[in-house]
Amino acid sequence: MSRALPSIPLVVRVGTRRFPFTTLEIASAAYRHAIDASGATSSGETGPAAPHCTIEDGEGNIHASISYNGKVWAGDYLKRDILGPDVQPL
């Protein structure tokens, strides 16, 4: 997680709720902890589905997203192919 995000106030949005954070590592760990505590699954087939998690500015622009496994990706990973060989998490 070495790439920096813009130096503007950002929040983590999990589902419909927004939370402040200080580092990408803390945001990722908090999201994984919430998933583990709720018993959510990536697909929702064997339990509740984990909510989508994004990192946004105050206007709702998505700068990054956190996948179920806790990796942080530039942009919204649900709207692009993150499986290409050149795409790396932040």
N, C-alpha and C. Protein backbone atom coordinates (compact mmCIF):
# COMPACT_ATOMS: atom_id res chain seq x y z
N MET A 1 0.82 -1.17 0.00
CA MET A 1 0.00 0.00 0.00
C MET A 1 0.87 1.24 0.00
N SER A 2 1.70 1.36 -0.97
CA SER A 2 2.66 2.44 -0.96
C SER A 2 2.21 3.68 -1.72
N ARG A 3 1.26 3.57 -2.65
CA ARG A 3 0.82 4.74 -3.40
C ARG A 3 -0.03 5.64 -2.52
N ALA A 4 0.20 6.93 -2.65
CA ALA A 4 -0.54 7.89 -1.82
C ALA A 4 -1.84 8.29 -2.50
N LEU A 5 -2.83 8.55 -1.68
CA LEU A 5 -4.10 9.08 -2.15
C LEU A 5 -4.03 10.60 -2.08
N PRO A 6 -4.98 11.29 -2.68
CA PRO A 6 -4.97 12.75 -2.63
C PRO A 6 -4.94 13.25 -1.19
N SER A 7 -4.35 14.42 -0.99
CA SER A 7 -4.25 14.97 0.37
C SER A 7 -5.47 15.82 0.71
N ILE A 8 -6.64 15.28 0.42
CA ILE A 8 -7.90 15.91 0.78
C ILE A 8 -8.60 14.98 1.76
N PRO A 9 -9.53 15.49 2.54
CA PRO A 9 -10.22 14.61 3.49
C PRO A 9 -10.95 13.47 2.77
N LEU A 10 -10.70 12.26 3.21
CA LEU A 10 -11.32 11.07 2.63
C LEU A 10 -12.02 10.29 3.73
N VAL A 11 -13.01 9.51 3.32
CA VAL A 11 -13.73 8.63 4.24
C VAL A 11 -13.83 7.25 3.61
N VAL A 12 -14.02 6.25 4.45
CA VAL A 12 -14.29 4.90 3.97
C VAL A 12 -15.81 4.73 3.99
N ARG A 13 -16.38 4.32 2.86
CA ARG A 13 -17.82 4.02 2.81
C ARG A 13 -17.98 2.52 2.75
N VAL A 14 -18.68 1.97 3.73
CA VAL A 14 -18.99 0.54 3.78
C VAL A 14 -20.49 0.43 3.68
N GLY A 15 -20.96 -0.08 2.53
CA GLY A 15 -22.40 -0.07 2.30
C GLY A 15 -22.87 1.36 2.19
N THR A 16 -23.73 1.79 3.11
CA THR A 16 -24.24 3.16 3.10
C THR A 16 -23.65 4.01 4.21
N ARG A 17 -22.78 3.44 5.04
CA ARG A 17 -22.19 4.17 6.17
C ARG A 17 -20.80 4.68 5.83
N ARG A 18 -20.45 5.85 6.37
CA ARG A 18 -19.13 6.46 6.13
C ARG A 18 -18.37 6.60 7.44
N PHE A 19 -17.04 6.36 7.36
CA PHE A 19 -16.19 6.41 8.54
C PHE A 19 -14.88 7.13 8.20
N PRO A 20 -14.37 7.94 9.13
CA PRO A 20 -13.05 8.55 8.91
C PRO A 20 -11.96 7.49 9.08
N PHE A 21 -10.80 7.72 8.50
CA PHE A 21 -9.66 6.82 8.69
C PHE A 21 -8.38 7.62 8.56
N THR A 22 -7.27 7.06 9.04
CA THR A 22 -6.00 7.78 8.98
C THR A 22 -5.01 7.17 7.99
N THR A 23 -5.06 5.85 7.79
CA THR A 23 -4.17 5.22 6.82
C THR A 23 -4.93 4.13 6.06
N LEU A 24 -4.42 3.77 4.90
CA LEU A 24 -5.02 2.69 4.13
C LEU A 24 -4.95 1.38 4.89
N GLU A 25 -3.87 1.16 5.61
CA GLU A 25 -3.71 -0.07 6.39
C GLU A 25 -4.80 -0.19 7.45
N ILE A 26 -5.08 0.92 8.14
CA ILE A 26 -6.12 0.90 9.17
C ILE A 26 -7.49 0.69 8.55
N ALA A 27 -7.76 1.35 7.43
CA ALA A 27 -9.05 1.18 6.75
C ALA A 27 -9.24 -0.27 6.32
N SER A 28 -8.20 -0.87 5.76
CA SER A 28 -8.26 -2.25 5.31
C SER A 28 -8.49 -3.20 6.49
N ALA A 29 -7.72 -3.02 7.56
CA ALA A 29 -7.85 -3.89 8.73
C ALA A 29 -9.24 -3.75 9.37
N ALA A 30 -9.77 -2.53 9.43
CA ALA A 30 -11.09 -2.33 10.01
C ALA A 30 -12.17 -3.00 9.17
N TYR A 31 -12.04 -2.92 7.85
CA TYR A 31 -13.02 -3.57 6.96
C TYR A 31 -12.97 -5.08 7.15
N ARG A 32 -11.77 -5.66 7.17
CA ARG A 32 -11.65 -7.11 7.37
C ARG A 32 -12.20 -7.52 8.73
N HIS A 33 -11.94 -6.72 9.77
CA HIS A 33 -12.46 -7.04 11.09
C HIS A 33 -13.99 -7.04 11.08
N ALA A 34 -14.58 -6.04 10.42
CA ALA A 34 -16.04 -5.97 10.33
C ALA A 34 -16.61 -7.18 9.59
N ILE A 35 -15.94 -7.59 8.52
CA ILE A 35 -16.37 -8.78 7.77
C ILE A 35 -16.32 -10.02 8.67
N ASP A 36 -15.19 -10.19 9.35
CA ASP A 36 -15.02 -11.36 10.22
C ASP A 36 -16.05 -11.37 11.34
N ALA A 37 -16.29 -10.20 11.95
CA ALA A 37 -17.22 -10.11 13.07
C ALA A 37 -18.66 -10.38 12.65
N SER A 38 -19.00 -10.02 11.41
CA SER A 38 -20.37 -10.20 10.95
C SER A 38 -20.63 -11.55 10.31
N GLY A 39 -19.56 -12.28 9.99
CA GLY A 39 -19.72 -13.55 9.31
C GLY A 39 -20.05 -13.39 7.83
N ALA A 40 -19.80 -12.21 7.28
CA ALA A 40 -20.10 -11.96 5.87
C ALA A 40 -19.18 -12.78 4.98
N THR A 41 -19.68 -13.09 3.79
CA THR A 41 -18.89 -13.83 2.81
C THR A 41 -18.74 -12.98 1.55
N SER A 42 -17.81 -13.36 0.70
CA SER A 42 -17.59 -12.56 -0.51
C SER A 42 -18.77 -12.65 -1.48
N SER A 43 -19.38 -13.81 -1.58
CA SER A 43 -20.45 -13.99 -2.56
C SER A 43 -21.85 -13.91 -1.95
N GLY A 44 -21.95 -14.11 -0.66
CA GLY A 44 -23.26 -14.14 -0.02
C GLY A 44 -23.96 -15.48 -0.13
N GLU A 45 -23.29 -16.49 -0.68
CA GLU A 45 -23.92 -17.79 -0.86
C GLU A 45 -24.05 -18.57 0.45
N THR A 46 -23.11 -18.40 1.37
CA THR A 46 -23.15 -19.17 2.61
C THR A 46 -23.34 -18.28 3.84
N GLY A 47 -23.68 -17.05 3.64
CA GLY A 47 -23.90 -16.09 4.72
C GLY A 47 -24.19 -14.75 4.10
N PRO A 48 -24.31 -13.72 4.94
CA PRO A 48 -24.57 -12.40 4.37
C PRO A 48 -23.41 -11.95 3.49
N ALA A 49 -23.72 -11.25 2.41
CA ALA A 49 -22.66 -10.74 1.52
C ALA A 49 -21.99 -9.53 2.15
N ALA A 50 -20.68 -9.48 2.03
CA ALA A 50 -19.94 -8.32 2.53
C ALA A 50 -20.32 -7.09 1.71
N PRO A 51 -20.53 -5.96 2.38
CA PRO A 51 -20.88 -4.76 1.64
C PRO A 51 -19.69 -4.22 0.85
N HIS A 52 -19.99 -3.52 -0.21
CA HIS A 52 -18.96 -2.87 -1.03
C HIS A 52 -18.27 -1.81 -0.18
N CYS A 53 -16.95 -1.67 -0.32
CA CYS A 53 -16.18 -0.73 0.50
C CYS A 53 -15.36 0.16 -0.42
N THR A 54 -15.56 1.48 -0.31
CA THR A 54 -14.82 2.42 -1.14
C THR A 54 -14.22 3.52 -0.28
N ILE A 55 -13.21 4.17 -0.82
CA ILE A 55 -12.59 5.33 -0.19
C ILE A 55 -12.97 6.53 -1.05
N GLU A 56 -13.68 7.48 -0.42
CA GLU A 56 -14.27 8.59 -1.17
C GLU A 56 -13.90 9.93 -0.57
N ASP A 57 -14.02 10.96 -1.41
CA ASP A 57 -13.89 12.32 -0.90
C ASP A 57 -15.26 12.81 -0.45
N GLY A 58 -15.34 14.05 0.00
CA GLY A 58 -16.57 14.60 0.52
C GLY A 58 -17.69 14.72 -0.49
N GLU A 59 -17.36 14.67 -1.78
CA GLU A 59 -18.38 14.77 -2.83
C GLU A 59 -18.81 13.40 -3.35
N GLY A 60 -18.28 12.33 -2.75
CA GLY A 60 -18.66 10.98 -3.16
C GLY A 60 -17.85 10.43 -4.31
N ASN A 61 -16.78 11.13 -4.73
CA ASN A 61 -15.91 10.61 -5.78
C ASN A 61 -15.06 9.48 -5.22
N ILE A 62 -15.04 8.35 -5.91
CA ILE A 62 -14.30 7.18 -5.43
C ILE A 62 -12.84 7.29 -5.86
N HIS A 63 -11.93 7.21 -4.88
CA HIS A 63 -10.50 7.26 -5.14
C HIS A 63 -9.86 5.88 -5.04
N ALA A 64 -10.47 4.99 -4.27
CA ALA A 64 -9.94 3.64 -4.09
C ALA A 64 -11.06 2.76 -3.55
N SER A 65 -10.82 1.47 -3.54
CA SER A 65 -11.78 0.54 -2.95
C SER A 65 -11.02 -0.58 -2.26
N ILE A 66 -11.71 -1.21 -1.32
CA ILE A 66 -11.11 -2.31 -0.56
C ILE A 66 -11.90 -3.56 -0.90
N SER A 67 -11.21 -4.58 -1.38
CA SER A 67 -11.87 -5.82 -1.74
C SER A 67 -12.05 -6.70 -0.50
N TYR A 68 -12.83 -7.76 -0.65
CA TYR A 68 -13.16 -8.66 0.45
C TYR A 68 -11.91 -9.16 1.19
N ASN A 69 -10.83 -9.37 0.45
CA ASN A 69 -9.60 -9.88 1.06
C ASN A 69 -8.77 -8.79 1.74
N GLY A 70 -9.27 -7.55 1.74
CA GLY A 70 -8.57 -6.47 2.42
C GLY A 70 -7.60 -5.69 1.56
N LYS A 71 -7.43 -6.08 0.31
CA LYS A 71 -6.53 -5.34 -0.57
C LYS A 71 -7.17 -4.04 -1.01
N VAL A 72 -6.34 -3.00 -1.10
CA VAL A 72 -6.81 -1.68 -1.51
C VAL A 72 -6.42 -1.46 -2.96
N TRP A 73 -7.40 -1.07 -3.78
CA TRP A 73 -7.21 -0.89 -5.22
C TRP A 73 -7.51 0.55 -5.61
N ALA A 74 -6.78 1.07 -6.56
CA ALA A 74 -7.08 2.41 -7.09
C ALA A 74 -8.42 2.36 -7.80
N GLY A 75 -9.24 3.36 -7.60
CA GLY A 75 -10.54 3.41 -8.25
C GLY A 75 -11.52 2.41 -7.65
N ASP A 76 -12.60 2.17 -8.36
CA ASP A 76 -13.63 1.24 -7.91
C ASP A 76 -13.42 -0.09 -8.60
N TYR A 77 -12.93 -1.08 -7.85
CA TYR A 77 -12.58 -2.36 -8.47
C TYR A 77 -13.78 -3.08 -9.06
N LEU A 78 -14.99 -2.75 -8.63
CA LEU A 78 -16.16 -3.40 -9.21
C LEU A 78 -16.45 -2.91 -10.63
N LYS A 79 -15.88 -1.77 -11.01
CA LYS A 79 -16.17 -1.19 -12.32
C LYS A 79 -15.04 -1.39 -13.32
N ARG A 80 -14.07 -2.24 -13.02
CA ARG A 80 -13.00 -2.51 -13.98
C ARG A 80 -12.42 -3.90 -13.74
N ASP A 81 -11.64 -4.34 -14.66
CA ASP A 81 -11.02 -5.66 -14.56
C ASP A 81 -9.76 -5.56 -13.71
N ILE A 82 -9.80 -6.08 -12.48
CA ILE A 82 -8.62 -6.01 -11.62
C ILE A 82 -7.77 -7.26 -11.72
N LEU A 83 -8.13 -8.15 -12.59
CA LEU A 83 -7.40 -9.41 -12.66
C LEU A 83 -6.26 -9.41 -13.66
N GLY A 84 -6.05 -8.29 -14.36
CA GLY A 84 -4.96 -8.21 -15.33
C GLY A 84 -3.61 -8.30 -14.64
N PRO A 85 -2.60 -8.77 -15.37
CA PRO A 85 -1.28 -8.97 -14.77
C PRO A 85 -0.59 -7.68 -14.35
N ASP A 86 -0.98 -6.54 -14.92
CA ASP A 86 -0.32 -5.29 -14.59
C ASP A 86 -0.99 -4.52 -13.46
N VAL A 87 -2.15 -4.98 -13.01
CA VAL A 87 -2.88 -4.28 -11.97
C VAL A 87 -2.43 -4.79 -10.61
N GLN A 88 -1.96 -3.87 -9.78
CA GLN A 88 -1.47 -4.22 -8.44
C GLN A 88 -2.25 -3.42 -7.41
N PRO A 89 -2.46 -4.00 -6.22
CA PRO A 89 -3.10 -3.23 -5.16
C PRO A 89 -2.19 -2.09 -4.72
N LEU A 90 -2.78 -1.09 -4.08
CA LEU A 90 -1.99 0.04 -3.56
C LEU A 90 -1.16 -0.40 -2.39
